[in-house]
Amino acid sequence: MRVLEKGNPNGWEKEVTCTGKGNGDGGCNARLMVAEADIFVTASHCRDEVDYYYTFLCSECNTKTDIPERDIPSRVRTKAMDEYKGKNNR
């Protein structure tokens, strides 16, 4: 067997740019390596509908930026959603 690409023993990471997308824009365009611990859920409410977003907070400018759901593994999304629901059901 040969390794084609080394895995990440620390979990999921993704290179992203701080754009403020989904949160009023205004990001600083810093390029960041976001890890699964950096992802949290935000939500918008309109009447009886709730939309959920997977978000990180830029360490440079404190701007929130949403990451498309398709770019995040399901286990990371599930963990973030469980944390969100746990905090909001107290």
N, C-alpha and C. Protein backbone atom coordinates (compact mmCIF):
# COMPACT_ATOMS: atom_id res chain seq x y z
N MET A 1 0.86 -1.17 0.00
CA MET A 1 0.00 0.00 0.00
C MET A 1 0.90 1.24 0.00
N ARG A 2 0.45 2.29 -0.71
CA ARG A 2 1.18 3.54 -0.65
C ARG A 2 0.21 4.68 -0.39
N VAL A 3 0.67 5.66 0.30
CA VAL A 3 -0.16 6.81 0.67
C VAL A 3 -0.19 7.78 -0.51
N LEU A 4 -1.38 8.13 -0.95
CA LEU A 4 -1.54 9.09 -2.05
C LEU A 4 -1.54 10.52 -1.53
N GLU A 5 -2.14 10.70 -0.38
CA GLU A 5 -2.16 12.02 0.25
C GLU A 5 -2.29 11.80 1.75
N LYS A 6 -1.41 12.39 2.52
CA LYS A 6 -1.45 12.20 3.97
C LYS A 6 -2.72 12.81 4.55
N GLY A 7 -3.25 12.12 5.53
CA GLY A 7 -4.44 12.60 6.22
C GLY A 7 -4.07 13.61 7.30
N ASN A 8 -5.08 14.16 7.92
CA ASN A 8 -4.88 15.12 8.98
C ASN A 8 -5.30 14.47 10.30
N PRO A 9 -4.35 14.10 11.16
CA PRO A 9 -4.71 13.44 12.41
C PRO A 9 -5.46 14.36 13.37
N ASN A 10 -5.43 15.66 13.13
CA ASN A 10 -6.09 16.61 14.02
C ASN A 10 -7.54 16.88 13.60
N GLY A 11 -8.01 16.24 12.56
CA GLY A 11 -9.39 16.46 12.12
C GLY A 11 -9.47 17.32 10.88
N TRP A 12 -10.67 17.73 10.56
CA TRP A 12 -10.96 18.48 9.35
C TRP A 12 -10.41 19.91 9.44
N GLU A 13 -9.84 20.37 8.34
CA GLU A 13 -9.40 21.76 8.19
C GLU A 13 -9.69 22.20 6.76
N LYS A 14 -9.89 23.50 6.59
CA LYS A 14 -10.14 24.04 5.25
C LYS A 14 -9.54 25.43 5.17
N GLU A 15 -8.90 25.71 4.05
CA GLU A 15 -8.38 27.05 3.81
C GLU A 15 -9.53 27.92 3.30
N VAL A 16 -9.75 29.05 3.95
CA VAL A 16 -10.86 29.94 3.61
C VAL A 16 -10.38 31.38 3.61
N THR A 17 -11.23 32.25 3.07
CA THR A 17 -10.96 33.69 3.07
C THR A 17 -12.04 34.39 3.88
N CYS A 18 -11.65 35.32 4.70
CA CYS A 18 -12.60 36.11 5.48
C CYS A 18 -13.26 37.12 4.54
N THR A 19 -14.55 36.90 4.25
CA THR A 19 -15.29 37.78 3.35
C THR A 19 -16.49 38.44 4.02
N GLY A 20 -16.92 37.87 5.14
CA GLY A 20 -18.14 38.36 5.78
C GLY A 20 -19.39 37.86 5.07
N LYS A 21 -19.23 36.96 4.10
CA LYS A 21 -20.37 36.45 3.33
C LYS A 21 -21.44 35.90 4.26
N GLY A 22 -22.67 36.34 4.01
CA GLY A 22 -23.79 35.90 4.82
C GLY A 22 -23.98 36.70 6.08
N ASN A 23 -23.08 37.62 6.35
CA ASN A 23 -23.13 38.39 7.58
C ASN A 23 -22.85 39.87 7.33
N GLY A 24 -23.32 40.38 6.22
CA GLY A 24 -23.15 41.79 5.91
C GLY A 24 -21.87 42.13 5.18
N ASP A 25 -21.13 41.10 4.76
CA ASP A 25 -19.85 41.30 4.07
C ASP A 25 -18.87 42.04 4.99
N GLY A 26 -17.93 42.76 4.44
CA GLY A 26 -17.00 43.54 5.25
C GLY A 26 -15.83 42.77 5.82
N GLY A 27 -15.56 41.56 5.33
CA GLY A 27 -14.41 40.81 5.82
C GLY A 27 -13.11 41.45 5.41
N CYS A 28 -12.02 41.00 6.03
CA CYS A 28 -10.71 41.62 5.80
C CYS A 28 -9.91 40.90 4.72
N ASN A 29 -10.45 39.84 4.11
CA ASN A 29 -9.79 39.05 3.08
C ASN A 29 -8.57 38.29 3.56
N ALA A 30 -8.46 38.09 4.88
CA ALA A 30 -7.37 37.26 5.41
C ALA A 30 -7.59 35.83 4.95
N ARG A 31 -6.51 35.14 4.61
CA ARG A 31 -6.59 33.71 4.28
C ARG A 31 -6.31 32.95 5.57
N LEU A 32 -7.24 32.07 5.91
CA LEU A 32 -7.18 31.39 7.20
C LEU A 32 -7.31 29.88 7.01
N MET A 33 -6.74 29.12 7.91
CA MET A 33 -6.95 27.68 7.97
C MET A 33 -7.95 27.47 9.11
N VAL A 34 -9.17 27.11 8.75
CA VAL A 34 -10.24 26.93 9.72
C VAL A 34 -10.34 25.44 10.06
N ALA A 35 -10.40 25.13 11.33
CA ALA A 35 -10.52 23.75 11.80
C ALA A 35 -11.95 23.49 12.28
N GLU A 36 -12.28 22.22 12.49
CA GLU A 36 -13.65 21.89 12.87
C GLU A 36 -14.07 22.59 14.16
N ALA A 37 -13.15 22.83 15.07
CA ALA A 37 -13.49 23.51 16.32
C ALA A 37 -13.87 24.98 16.10
N ASP A 38 -13.53 25.54 14.94
CA ASP A 38 -13.83 26.94 14.64
C ASP A 38 -15.23 27.12 14.05
N ILE A 39 -15.87 26.03 13.66
CA ILE A 39 -17.18 26.12 13.00
C ILE A 39 -18.30 26.13 14.03
N PHE A 40 -19.23 27.06 13.87
CA PHE A 40 -20.41 27.10 14.72
C PHE A 40 -21.61 27.45 13.85
N VAL A 41 -22.78 27.20 14.38
CA VAL A 41 -24.02 27.43 13.63
C VAL A 41 -24.60 28.79 13.99
N THR A 42 -25.03 29.50 12.96
CA THR A 42 -25.82 30.71 13.14
C THR A 42 -27.15 30.48 12.43
N ALA A 43 -28.14 31.29 12.75
CA ALA A 43 -29.47 31.07 12.18
C ALA A 43 -30.14 32.40 11.89
N SER A 44 -31.02 32.37 10.89
CA SER A 44 -31.88 33.53 10.61
C SER A 44 -33.32 33.03 10.68
N HIS A 45 -34.16 33.85 11.26
CA HIS A 45 -35.56 33.49 11.47
C HIS A 45 -36.45 34.44 10.67
N CYS A 46 -37.41 33.87 9.95
CA CYS A 46 -38.38 34.66 9.21
C CYS A 46 -39.72 33.94 9.33
N ARG A 47 -40.62 34.56 10.05
CA ARG A 47 -41.92 33.94 10.33
C ARG A 47 -41.71 32.58 10.97
N ASP A 48 -42.19 31.53 10.33
CA ASP A 48 -42.05 30.18 10.89
C ASP A 48 -40.87 29.41 10.32
N GLU A 49 -40.03 30.06 9.54
CA GLU A 49 -38.90 29.40 8.92
C GLU A 49 -37.59 29.78 9.60
N VAL A 50 -36.72 28.80 9.70
CA VAL A 50 -35.38 29.03 10.25
C VAL A 50 -34.37 28.48 9.25
N ASP A 51 -33.40 29.30 8.90
CA ASP A 51 -32.30 28.86 8.05
C ASP A 51 -31.04 28.82 8.89
N TYR A 52 -30.28 27.73 8.75
CA TYR A 52 -29.07 27.54 9.52
C TYR A 52 -27.85 27.70 8.61
N TYR A 53 -26.77 28.23 9.18
CA TYR A 53 -25.53 28.47 8.44
C TYR A 53 -24.35 27.99 9.26
N TYR A 54 -23.31 27.56 8.58
CA TYR A 54 -22.07 27.13 9.23
C TYR A 54 -21.07 28.27 9.07
N THR A 55 -20.62 28.75 10.20
CA THR A 55 -19.93 30.04 10.28
C THR A 55 -18.62 29.92 11.03
N PHE A 56 -17.67 30.81 10.71
CA PHE A 56 -16.46 30.94 11.53
C PHE A 56 -16.25 32.42 11.82
N LEU A 57 -15.50 32.70 12.87
CA LEU A 57 -15.18 34.06 13.27
C LEU A 57 -13.72 34.32 12.95
N CYS A 58 -13.46 35.34 12.13
CA CYS A 58 -12.09 35.66 11.72
C CYS A 58 -11.27 36.10 12.93
N SER A 59 -10.10 35.51 13.08
CA SER A 59 -9.22 35.86 14.19
C SER A 59 -8.53 37.21 14.00
N GLU A 60 -8.59 37.73 12.79
CA GLU A 60 -7.95 39.02 12.50
C GLU A 60 -8.89 40.20 12.71
N CYS A 61 -10.14 40.07 12.25
CA CYS A 61 -11.04 41.24 12.29
C CYS A 61 -12.36 40.96 13.02
N ASN A 62 -12.54 39.76 13.55
CA ASN A 62 -13.76 39.37 14.28
C ASN A 62 -15.03 39.44 13.43
N THR A 63 -14.90 39.28 12.13
CA THR A 63 -16.06 39.23 11.24
C THR A 63 -16.48 37.79 11.06
N LYS A 64 -17.79 37.54 11.07
CA LYS A 64 -18.32 36.20 10.82
C LYS A 64 -18.44 35.99 9.31
N THR A 65 -18.07 34.79 8.86
CA THR A 65 -18.21 34.41 7.45
C THR A 65 -18.83 33.02 7.40
N ASP A 66 -19.84 32.85 6.55
CA ASP A 66 -20.48 31.56 6.37
C ASP A 66 -19.70 30.72 5.36
N ILE A 67 -19.63 29.42 5.61
CA ILE A 67 -19.01 28.47 4.70
C ILE A 67 -20.12 27.62 4.10
N PRO A 68 -20.12 27.39 2.80
CA PRO A 68 -21.17 26.55 2.21
C PRO A 68 -21.20 25.16 2.87
N GLU A 69 -22.41 24.70 3.12
CA GLU A 69 -22.62 23.40 3.76
C GLU A 69 -21.88 22.28 3.03
N ARG A 70 -21.87 22.35 1.71
CA ARG A 70 -21.24 21.29 0.90
C ARG A 70 -19.73 21.21 1.12
N ASP A 71 -19.13 22.25 1.68
CA ASP A 71 -17.69 22.28 1.91
C ASP A 71 -17.28 21.73 3.27
N ILE A 72 -18.26 21.30 4.06
CA ILE A 72 -17.99 20.84 5.42
C ILE A 72 -18.46 19.39 5.56
N PRO A 73 -17.62 18.50 6.06
CA PRO A 73 -18.04 17.11 6.23
C PRO A 73 -19.26 16.99 7.15
N SER A 74 -20.06 15.97 6.92
CA SER A 74 -21.30 15.82 7.68
C SER A 74 -21.04 15.68 9.18
N ARG A 75 -19.98 15.02 9.59
CA ARG A 75 -19.72 14.86 11.02
C ARG A 75 -19.41 16.21 11.68
N VAL A 76 -18.76 17.11 10.95
CA VAL A 76 -18.46 18.44 11.48
C VAL A 76 -19.75 19.26 11.57
N ARG A 77 -20.61 19.16 10.55
CA ARG A 77 -21.90 19.84 10.57
C ARG A 77 -22.76 19.34 11.72
N THR A 78 -22.79 18.03 11.90
CA THR A 78 -23.60 17.44 12.98
C THR A 78 -23.12 17.91 14.34
N LYS A 79 -21.82 17.93 14.54
CA LYS A 79 -21.26 18.38 15.82
C LYS A 79 -21.62 19.85 16.08
N ALA A 80 -21.47 20.69 15.08
CA ALA A 80 -21.78 22.11 15.23
C ALA A 80 -23.27 22.31 15.52
N MET A 81 -24.13 21.56 14.83
CA MET A 81 -25.58 21.69 15.05
C MET A 81 -25.96 21.20 16.44
N ASP A 82 -25.37 20.11 16.89
CA ASP A 82 -25.65 19.60 18.24
C ASP A 82 -25.26 20.64 19.29
N GLU A 83 -24.11 21.29 19.10
CA GLU A 83 -23.69 22.33 20.04
C GLU A 83 -24.65 23.51 20.01
N TYR A 84 -25.09 23.90 18.81
CA TYR A 84 -26.04 25.01 18.67
C TYR A 84 -27.35 24.69 19.39
N LYS A 85 -27.88 23.51 19.13
CA LYS A 85 -29.17 23.13 19.74
C LYS A 85 -29.03 22.98 21.25
N GLY A 86 -27.90 22.49 21.71
CA GLY A 86 -27.67 22.36 23.16
C GLY A 86 -27.64 23.71 23.85
N LYS A 87 -27.02 24.69 23.23
CA LYS A 87 -26.96 26.04 23.81
C LYS A 87 -28.31 26.74 23.78
N ASN A 88 -29.11 26.45 22.77
CA ASN A 88 -30.37 27.17 22.59
C ASN A 88 -31.57 26.45 23.20
N ASN A 89 -31.34 25.32 23.85
CA ASN A 89 -32.44 24.60 24.49
C ASN A 89 -32.33 24.63 26.00
N ARG A 90 -31.54 25.53 26.52
CA ARG A 90 -31.35 25.61 27.98
C ARG A 90 -32.32 26.57 28.58
